[in-house]
Each structure stands twice: as structure tokens, then as C-alpha cells.
Amino acid sequence: MTLLQAAGSQGMNPFILMLIMAVFLFFMIWPQMRRQKKAKNFTASLAKGDHIVTTGGIHGKICQIQDKYMVIEMEEGKMKIDPTGISMEMTQAAYPTETKTETKK
């Protein structure tokens, strides 16, 4: 066995390289795509009148929805925000409707 043959046999096998790429795709890219899809569905499901909390911790109620922004109403006034800045929707958890409370009695 020559020196070149010995060096070539220790090189990276193409199968191992593809396996590393598949693992990277499985653990890094697909979960990120799932998170983006979930966030897009969340912002699309928001409606006028929903109580929300922004990523900065500001509580408000959606009073207007546009293509690129939403206007929320707070105790101090109104604020225009980007829909990606909404962290959670609190309508059902913190502000249950009157009909749901009456049916639980």
C-alpha cells in the first residue's frame, strides 16, 4: 500500500457527509420552519377585539388590523405595532365571555 492510498482511505466517506447533512437538516432547519409556520398561523388567527400581550409586556386590545401593522388600544391610548411583536393572545384566558361563565354555573 502506497502513501497516497493510505491517505485516501482515511478521507471523508460521501455517505457520512450526507448523513451529517441530513442530521443538520433534521435538527436545525425543520424545527425552525415549523416555528415560523406556527407564528404565521398565530398572527393570521388574531381578530379585532382580541386581548393580546406584546413581546415587551404591553397588554392591549386589537382595535384595527391592517396588512403590515395592528392598532391596539390600551388604558393610556392607542399604539400601532407590528404583528410579529405579539407574544400571546389572552382573550379566553384572562377575559372570558359572559355566556361561557353563565353556562358553567
Protein backbone atom coordinates (compact mmCIF):
# COMPACT_ATOMS: atom_id res chain seq x y z
CA MET A 1 0.00 0.00 0.00
CA THR A 2 1.44 3.33 -1.02
CA LEU A 3 1.32 6.54 0.96
CA LEU A 4 -1.40 8.04 -1.31
CA GLN A 5 -3.66 5.03 -0.91
CA ALA A 6 -3.39 5.18 2.86
CA ALA A 7 -4.23 8.89 2.91
CA GLY A 8 -7.23 8.35 0.60
CA SER A 9 -8.73 5.63 2.75
CA GLN A 10 -8.79 7.94 5.76
CA GLY A 11 -10.74 10.65 3.90
CA MET A 12 -14.39 11.56 4.48
CA ASN A 13 -16.77 8.95 3.12
CA PRO A 14 -19.55 10.59 0.98
CA PHE A 15 -22.17 8.59 2.86
CA ILE A 16 -21.03 10.01 6.19
CA LEU A 17 -21.05 13.51 4.75
CA MET A 18 -24.66 13.08 3.55
CA LEU A 19 -25.61 11.63 6.92
CA ILE A 20 -24.20 14.70 8.69
CA MET A 21 -26.16 16.97 6.33
CA ALA A 22 -29.38 15.03 6.97
CA VAL A 23 -28.93 15.27 10.73
CA PHE A 24 -28.27 19.01 10.42
CA LEU A 25 -31.43 19.41 8.32
CA PHE A 26 -33.50 17.33 10.73
CA PHE A 27 -32.39 19.09 13.93
CA MET A 28 -31.83 22.67 12.75
CA ILE A 29 -33.86 23.63 9.69
CA TRP A 30 -37.16 21.74 10.01
CA PRO A 31 -37.89 22.88 13.60
CA GLN A 32 -37.23 26.49 12.58
CA MET A 33 -39.61 26.14 9.63
CA ARG A 34 -42.26 24.67 11.96
CA ARG A 35 -41.87 27.61 14.39
CA GLN A 36 -42.22 30.12 11.54
CA LYS A 37 -45.34 28.41 10.24
CA LYS A 38 -46.87 28.32 13.73
CA ALA A 39 -46.11 32.04 14.26
CA LYS A 40 -47.64 32.92 10.88
CA ASN A 41 -50.80 30.94 11.69
CA PHE A 42 -50.99 32.63 15.11
CA THR A 43 -50.84 36.16 13.68
CA ALA A 44 -53.35 35.21 10.96
CA SER A 45 -55.79 33.92 13.59
CA LEU A 46 -55.86 37.20 15.53
CA ALA A 47 -59.04 39.23 15.14
CA LYS A 48 -60.38 42.63 16.10
CA GLY A 49 -61.35 42.65 19.78
CA ASP A 50 -58.76 40.07 20.92
CA HIS A 51 -56.82 40.92 24.07
CA ILE A 52 -53.09 40.45 23.48
CA VAL A 53 -49.71 40.82 25.17
CA THR A 54 -46.75 42.12 23.18
CA THR A 55 -43.21 40.80 23.49
CA GLY A 56 -42.42 43.94 25.51
CA GLY A 57 -45.15 43.07 28.04
CA ILE A 58 -47.73 45.65 26.94
CA HIS A 59 -51.33 44.50 27.36
CA GLY A 60 -53.94 45.76 24.93
CA LYS A 61 -56.96 45.04 22.79
CA ILE A 62 -56.78 44.89 18.99
CA CYS A 63 -58.94 47.64 17.54
CA GLN A 64 -57.69 47.73 13.92
CA ILE A 65 -55.91 45.23 11.66
CA GLN A 66 -54.01 46.32 8.55
CA ASP A 67 -51.67 44.41 6.23
CA LYS A 68 -48.40 45.44 7.88
CA TYR A 69 -49.48 46.60 11.36
CA MET A 70 -52.16 46.39 14.04
CA VAL A 71 -53.52 49.14 16.25
CA ILE A 72 -54.02 48.14 19.86
CA GLU A 73 -55.95 50.04 22.47
CA MET A 74 -54.54 50.37 25.97
CA GLU A 75 -55.59 52.33 29.05
CA GLU A 76 -53.31 55.20 28.05
CA GLY A 77 -54.36 55.39 24.39
CA LYS A 78 -53.68 53.58 21.13
CA MET A 79 -50.47 52.18 19.69
CA LYS A 80 -49.51 50.90 16.23
CA ILE A 81 -47.49 47.66 16.41
CA ASP A 82 -46.06 45.06 14.06
CA PRO A 83 -47.98 41.74 14.24
CA THR A 84 -44.73 39.83 14.86
CA GLY A 85 -44.41 41.73 18.16
CA ILE A 86 -47.39 39.91 19.68
CA SER A 87 -46.33 37.17 22.05
CA MET A 88 -49.68 35.74 23.19
CA GLU A 89 -53.41 36.09 22.93
CA MET A 90 -55.19 36.45 26.26
CA THR A 91 -58.88 36.76 25.30
CA GLN A 92 -60.11 33.39 26.55
CA ALA A 93 -57.69 33.05 29.49
CA ALA A 94 -57.94 36.49 31.09
CA TYR A 95 -61.20 37.84 29.64
CA PRO A 96 -63.80 35.03 29.42
CA THR A 97 -67.08 35.97 27.79
CA GLU A 98 -70.27 36.36 29.80
CA THR A 99 -72.01 33.42 28.11
CA LYS A 100 -69.25 30.95 28.99
CA THR A 101 -69.34 31.96 32.67
CA GLU A 102 -73.10 31.59 32.83
CA THR A 103 -73.03 28.09 31.31
CA LYS A 104 -70.51 26.87 33.89
CA LYS A 105 -72.89 27.61 36.83
